[in-house]
Amino acid sequence: MKKIHSAIKLLRPHQWLKNAFCFLPLFFDGKLFNTEYLLPCVVACVSFCLAASGIYCFNDIYDVEKDRLHPKKCKRPIASGDISVPMGYGIMAVAWASSLAILASAMLFFLQGDMLKVMACVVFYGAMNIAYCTSLKNMAIVDIIVIALGFVIRILVGGFATGVWMSHWIILMTFLLAMFLAFAKRRDDVVTYEESGIQLRRNVNRYNLAFMNQAIGLIASITIVCYIMYTVSPDVTSRYGGNVYLTSVFVLAGILRYLQITIVDVKSGSPTKVLMHDRFIQLTIVGWVLTFALLLYL
């Protein structure tokens, strides 16, 4: 039982929450509750979850020696010795094989989307993240861009799986929001480095708090302006009506709260944990979803 628990921990299922971005094309197109579109999107999302878990396995294998010296990462299954390196490779192989097998099977059942393009996205995501694990994560700014592209790929997966049109606004805002969260996460590492001298990442010395604060503030501002421009754009007002701009209140509140968590509380090291535990953030997301859903579906 301990091995099974460790294997599940290695796959990091709590990180699958990020893959909800796959459903954004359906949500914004008003087809989220249409089973004809929802089912292929769910299948593509499950496949992407397994592929992402395979990357987490590879990352833990590649960084095993560094993780053993880290105060928190030393508890990861491979670093702690609960899962051996060969077993880690085996789990990674099973995750990736299952991911591609699901997509191959989906090609036979779902015809309205393009599962071949979904598979191409998944393979590209895997190749990009292997490059990230081995070298790109050591390049300042490049590491942030790669993380942001990962979220854009999630949007593309959902769009290609269902054949739903994807607005350039959605792709742009996803990229900006992901950059904002990634910079906030890196800021936590910079604080640790400047306070204790512990270098959690090789490229952390290419950042400092002044740069991180300016970068986070800049991207947050651009994201908010971009969202407001999206809500009042002719394409959006013609499709959803003229009241979409009301949802900007929740976007502004959510970003300001995350800035507070990042700069005041210094607890932005894990965006997933923030999302799972911060009630204010959760309420802004629920408020945004409900308001947008009322505009789209009623």
Protein backbone atom coordinates (compact mmCIF):
# COMPACT_ATOMS: atom_id res chain seq x y z
CA MET A 1 0.00 0.00 0.00
CA LYS A 2 2.87 2.38 0.77
CA LYS A 3 4.28 1.87 -2.75
CA ILE A 4 0.89 2.64 -4.31
CA HIS A 5 0.54 5.76 -2.19
CA SER A 6 4.05 6.85 -3.15
CA ALA A 7 3.37 6.18 -6.84
CA ILE A 8 0.22 8.30 -6.71
CA LYS A 9 2.15 11.03 -4.90
CA LEU A 10 4.81 10.90 -7.63
CA LEU A 11 2.13 11.56 -10.26
CA ARG A 12 1.05 14.69 -8.34
CA PRO A 13 -2.71 14.45 -9.00
CA HIS A 14 -3.30 17.74 -7.13
CA GLN A 15 -1.57 19.47 -10.04
CA TRP A 16 -4.26 18.22 -12.42
CA LEU A 17 -6.34 21.18 -11.31
CA LYS A 18 -4.29 23.27 -13.78
CA ASN A 19 -5.71 21.23 -16.64
CA ALA A 20 -9.13 22.79 -16.12
CA PHE A 21 -7.82 25.31 -18.67
CA CYS A 22 -8.66 22.68 -21.30
CA PHE A 23 -12.34 23.49 -20.76
CA LEU A 24 -12.06 27.25 -21.29
CA PRO A 25 -12.82 27.14 -25.05
CA LEU A 26 -16.07 25.30 -24.28
CA PHE A 27 -16.96 27.63 -21.43
CA PHE A 28 -16.47 30.80 -23.47
CA ASP A 29 -18.30 29.33 -26.47
CA GLY A 30 -21.35 28.40 -24.38
CA LYS A 31 -20.98 24.67 -24.98
CA LEU A 32 -19.74 23.53 -21.58
CA PHE A 33 -22.89 21.50 -20.87
CA ASN A 34 -23.23 20.07 -24.36
CA THR A 35 -22.18 16.41 -24.04
CA GLU A 36 -21.28 16.22 -27.73
CA TYR A 37 -18.44 18.64 -27.00
CA LEU A 38 -17.86 17.96 -23.32
CA LEU A 39 -17.00 14.24 -23.66
CA PRO A 40 -14.09 14.65 -26.11
CA CYS A 41 -12.80 17.53 -23.99
CA VAL A 42 -12.89 15.35 -20.86
CA VAL A 43 -11.03 12.57 -22.69
CA ALA A 44 -8.39 15.02 -23.95
CA CYS A 45 -8.03 16.50 -20.47
CA VAL A 46 -7.54 13.06 -18.89
CA SER A 47 -4.89 12.28 -21.50
CA PHE A 48 -3.14 15.57 -20.77
CA CYS A 49 -3.24 14.86 -17.02
CA LEU A 50 -1.41 11.57 -17.54
CA ALA A 51 1.15 13.18 -19.86
CA ALA A 52 1.79 15.95 -17.33
CA SER A 53 2.20 13.37 -14.56
CA GLY A 54 4.77 11.60 -16.71
CA ILE A 55 6.73 14.86 -16.89
CA TYR A 56 6.58 15.22 -13.10
CA CYS A 57 8.09 11.73 -12.85
CA PHE A 58 10.90 12.70 -15.20
CA ASN A 59 11.54 15.93 -13.30
CA ASP A 60 11.82 14.09 -9.97
CA ILE A 61 14.18 11.52 -11.50
CA TYR A 62 16.37 14.16 -13.13
CA ASP A 63 16.55 16.33 -10.00
CA VAL A 64 16.78 13.51 -7.45
CA GLU A 65 20.21 14.51 -6.10
CA LYS A 66 19.24 18.18 -5.72
CA ASP A 67 15.91 17.26 -4.16
CA ARG A 68 17.64 15.22 -1.47
CA LEU A 69 19.39 18.40 -0.30
CA HIS A 70 16.16 20.46 -0.31
CA PRO A 71 14.28 20.87 3.03
CA LYS A 72 10.88 20.11 1.44
CA LYS A 73 11.59 18.32 -1.84
CA CYS A 74 13.59 15.65 0.00
CA LYS A 75 10.22 14.16 0.97
CA ARG A 76 9.28 13.46 -2.65
CA PRO A 77 8.91 9.70 -3.38
CA ILE A 78 12.09 9.28 -5.44
CA ALA A 79 14.25 11.64 -3.35
CA SER A 80 13.14 9.90 -0.14
CA GLY A 81 13.80 6.44 -1.59
CA ASP A 82 10.16 5.28 -1.43
CA ILE A 83 10.24 4.87 -5.23
CA SER A 84 13.42 3.73 -6.99
CA VAL A 85 14.68 5.50 -10.11
CA PRO A 86 13.94 2.48 -12.38
CA MET A 87 10.43 2.26 -10.95
CA GLY A 88 10.05 6.00 -11.54
CA TYR A 89 10.91 5.51 -15.21
CA GLY A 90 8.39 2.67 -15.34
CA ILE A 91 5.61 4.82 -13.88
CA MET A 92 6.51 7.60 -16.32
CA ALA A 93 6.35 5.19 -19.27
CA VAL A 94 2.95 3.84 -18.18
CA ALA A 95 1.57 7.38 -17.76
CA TRP A 96 2.71 8.46 -21.22
CA ALA A 97 1.66 5.22 -22.92
CA SER A 98 -1.79 5.54 -21.33
CA SER A 99 -2.05 9.17 -22.43
CA LEU A 100 -1.29 8.44 -26.08
CA ALA A 101 -3.44 5.27 -26.07
CA ILE A 102 -6.43 7.29 -24.85
CA LEU A 103 -5.98 9.82 -27.66
CA ALA A 104 -5.50 7.08 -30.26
CA SER A 105 -8.75 5.45 -29.13
CA ALA A 106 -10.54 8.81 -29.06
CA MET A 107 -9.83 9.27 -32.78
CA LEU A 108 -12.21 6.40 -33.47
CA PHE A 109 -15.09 7.78 -31.41
CA PHE A 110 -15.00 11.57 -31.62
CA LEU A 111 -15.12 13.06 -35.08
CA GLN A 112 -15.99 16.73 -34.54
CA GLY A 113 -12.57 17.64 -33.14
CA ASP A 114 -9.06 16.85 -34.30
CA MET A 115 -7.46 14.38 -31.88
CA LEU A 116 -4.37 14.18 -34.09
CA LYS A 117 -3.69 17.85 -33.33
CA VAL A 118 -4.36 17.14 -29.65
CA MET A 119 -1.76 14.37 -29.77
CA ALA A 120 0.69 16.75 -31.45
CA CYS A 121 0.09 19.26 -28.65
CA VAL A 122 0.65 16.61 -25.98
CA VAL A 123 3.87 15.40 -27.62
CA PHE A 124 5.11 18.98 -28.04
CA TYR A 125 4.24 19.69 -24.39
CA GLY A 126 6.25 16.63 -23.36
CA ALA A 127 9.27 17.58 -25.47
CA MET A 128 9.16 21.20 -24.29
CA ASN A 129 9.01 20.17 -20.65
CA ILE A 130 11.81 17.64 -20.95
CA ALA A 131 13.90 20.50 -22.35
CA TYR A 132 12.64 22.63 -19.46
CA CYS A 133 13.63 20.03 -16.85
CA THR A 134 17.09 19.50 -18.31
CA SER A 135 18.11 23.05 -19.27
CA LEU A 136 15.48 25.73 -19.91
CA LYS A 137 14.47 26.09 -16.26
CA ASN A 138 17.97 27.40 -15.57
CA MET A 139 17.48 30.33 -17.97
CA ALA A 140 15.91 33.36 -16.31
CA ILE A 141 12.74 34.67 -18.03
CA VAL A 142 12.86 31.76 -20.52
CA ASP A 143 11.68 29.48 -17.69
CA ILE A 144 8.66 31.74 -17.11
CA ILE A 145 7.78 31.81 -20.82
CA VAL A 146 7.90 28.00 -21.03
CA ILE A 147 5.54 27.67 -18.06
CA ALA A 148 3.12 30.17 -19.63
CA LEU A 149 3.22 28.32 -22.97
CA GLY A 150 2.22 25.16 -21.11
CA PHE A 151 -1.08 26.79 -20.17
CA VAL A 152 -1.64 28.00 -23.73
CA ILE A 153 -1.16 24.41 -24.89
CA ARG A 154 -3.90 23.35 -22.47
CA ILE A 155 -6.26 25.82 -24.16
CA LEU A 156 -5.29 24.47 -27.58
CA VAL A 157 -5.90 20.88 -26.41
CA GLY A 158 -9.47 21.76 -25.40
CA GLY A 159 -10.10 23.67 -28.62
CA PHE A 160 -8.67 21.03 -30.96
CA ALA A 161 -10.44 18.18 -29.15
CA THR A 162 -13.85 19.79 -29.65
CA GLY A 163 -13.38 21.81 -32.82
CA VAL A 164 -14.46 24.93 -30.90
CA TRP A 165 -13.19 28.32 -32.08
CA MET A 166 -10.58 29.85 -29.75
CA SER A 167 -10.48 33.62 -29.41
CA HIS A 168 -7.05 35.25 -29.56
CA TRP A 169 -8.13 37.16 -26.45
CA ILE A 170 -8.48 33.94 -24.43
CA ILE A 171 -5.08 32.67 -25.56
CA LEU A 172 -3.42 36.01 -24.81
CA MET A 173 -5.01 36.34 -21.35
CA THR A 174 -4.12 32.76 -20.47
CA PHE A 175 -0.49 33.43 -21.40
CA LEU A 176 -0.40 36.65 -19.33
CA LEU A 177 -2.11 35.11 -16.30
CA ALA A 178 0.26 32.14 -16.36
CA MET A 179 3.26 34.51 -16.53
CA PHE A 180 1.87 36.45 -13.58
CA LEU A 181 1.49 33.29 -11.48
CA ALA A 182 4.92 31.98 -12.53
CA PHE A 183 6.69 35.23 -11.60
CA ALA A 184 4.85 35.23 -8.26
CA LYS A 185 6.03 31.68 -7.65
CA ARG A 186 9.64 32.57 -8.53
CA ARG A 187 9.47 35.55 -6.18
CA ASP A 188 9.12 33.10 -3.29
CA ASP A 189 12.43 31.50 -4.33
CA VAL A 190 14.10 34.93 -4.54
CA VAL A 191 12.94 35.81 -1.01
CA THR A 192 14.37 32.53 0.30
CA TYR A 193 17.65 33.16 -1.53
CA GLU A 194 18.04 36.73 -0.29
CA GLU A 195 17.12 35.88 3.30
CA SER A 196 18.98 32.60 3.78
CA GLY A 197 21.39 32.29 0.85
CA ILE A 198 19.76 28.98 -0.12
CA GLN A 199 19.63 28.80 -3.94
CA LEU A 200 16.53 26.71 -4.65
CA ARG A 201 16.97 27.23 -8.41
CA ARG A 202 20.13 27.74 -10.41
CA ASN A 203 18.81 30.88 -12.10
CA VAL A 204 17.53 32.56 -8.93
CA ASN A 205 20.61 34.82 -8.82
CA ARG A 206 19.44 36.35 -12.13
CA TYR A 207 16.37 37.69 -10.32
CA ASN A 208 15.98 40.05 -7.36
CA LEU A 209 13.01 41.44 -5.44
CA ALA A 210 13.03 44.81 -7.20
CA PHE A 211 12.86 43.15 -10.62
CA MET A 212 10.27 40.58 -9.51
CA ASN A 213 7.99 43.23 -7.98
CA GLN A 214 8.15 45.36 -11.13
CA ALA A 215 7.61 42.36 -13.42
CA ILE A 216 4.65 41.08 -11.38
CA GLY A 217 3.07 44.56 -11.19
CA LEU A 218 3.59 45.15 -14.93
CA ILE A 219 2.09 41.83 -16.00
CA ALA A 220 -0.81 42.18 -13.55
CA SER A 221 -1.62 45.60 -15.03
CA ILE A 222 -1.42 44.34 -18.62
CA THR A 223 -3.62 41.34 -17.74
CA ILE A 224 -6.32 43.54 -16.22
CA VAL A 225 -6.27 45.99 -19.15
CA CYS A 226 -6.32 43.09 -21.63
CA TYR A 227 -9.33 41.55 -19.88
CA ILE A 228 -11.25 44.83 -19.87
CA MET A 229 -10.47 45.32 -23.57
CA TYR A 230 -11.74 41.78 -24.19
CA THR A 231 -15.04 42.43 -22.38
CA VAL A 232 -15.78 45.58 -24.40
CA SER A 233 -14.49 44.34 -27.77
CA PRO A 234 -17.11 44.30 -30.58
CA ASP A 235 -16.74 40.55 -31.03
CA VAL A 236 -17.57 39.84 -27.38
CA THR A 237 -20.42 42.32 -27.05
CA SER A 238 -22.03 40.96 -30.22
CA ARG A 239 -21.75 37.35 -29.01
CA TYR A 240 -22.53 37.72 -25.28
CA GLY A 241 -24.15 41.14 -24.87
CA GLY A 242 -22.83 44.40 -23.47
CA ASN A 243 -22.63 43.46 -19.78
CA VAL A 244 -19.58 41.18 -19.82
CA TYR A 245 -17.47 44.07 -18.51
CA LEU A 246 -19.14 43.50 -15.10
CA THR A 247 -17.01 40.38 -14.63
CA SER A 248 -13.91 42.63 -14.55
CA VAL A 249 -14.62 43.30 -10.87
CA PHE A 250 -13.81 39.70 -9.96
CA VAL A 251 -10.67 39.65 -12.13
CA LEU A 252 -9.38 42.83 -10.51
CA ALA A 253 -10.18 41.58 -6.99
CA GLY A 254 -8.57 38.19 -7.63
CA ILE A 255 -5.35 39.66 -9.03
CA LEU A 256 -5.08 42.19 -6.18
CA ARG A 257 -5.59 39.43 -3.63
CA TYR A 258 -2.89 37.33 -5.28
CA LEU A 259 -0.54 40.32 -5.21
CA GLN A 260 -1.26 40.60 -1.49
CA ILE A 261 -0.47 36.92 -0.96
CA THR A 262 2.72 37.31 -3.00
CA ILE A 263 4.15 40.56 -1.63
CA VAL A 264 2.65 40.89 1.86
CA ASP A 265 2.24 37.26 2.96
CA VAL A 266 5.08 35.82 0.81
CA LYS A 267 3.11 32.60 0.27
CA SER A 268 2.91 32.35 -3.51
CA GLY A 269 5.33 29.43 -3.83
CA SER A 270 2.55 27.07 -4.91
CA PRO A 271 -0.29 28.58 -7.00
CA THR A 272 -2.21 25.29 -6.73
CA LYS A 273 -2.14 25.38 -2.92
CA VAL A 274 -3.18 29.04 -2.93
CA LEU A 275 -6.14 28.17 -5.13
CA MET A 276 -7.10 25.22 -2.92
CA HIS A 277 -6.86 27.05 0.42
CA ASP A 278 -7.46 30.79 -0.01
CA ARG A 279 -11.17 31.56 0.46
CA PHE A 280 -10.95 35.05 -1.07
CA ILE A 281 -9.44 33.71 -4.29
CA GLN A 282 -12.02 30.91 -4.38
CA LEU A 283 -14.88 33.39 -3.97
CA THR A 284 -13.59 35.64 -6.76
CA ILE A 285 -13.33 32.63 -9.10
CA VAL A 286 -16.82 31.39 -8.17
CA GLY A 287 -18.22 34.91 -8.59
CA TRP A 288 -16.53 35.30 -11.99
CA VAL A 289 -17.70 31.88 -13.21
CA LEU A 290 -21.30 32.39 -12.04
CA THR A 291 -21.55 35.92 -13.47
CA PHE A 292 -20.04 34.88 -16.80
CA ALA A 293 -22.20 31.74 -16.89
CA LEU A 294 -25.35 33.79 -16.32
CA LEU A 295 -24.40 36.03 -19.25
CA LEU A 296 -23.52 33.10 -21.51
CA TYR A 297 -26.09 30.45 -20.66
CA LEU A 298 -29.21 32.37 -19.59
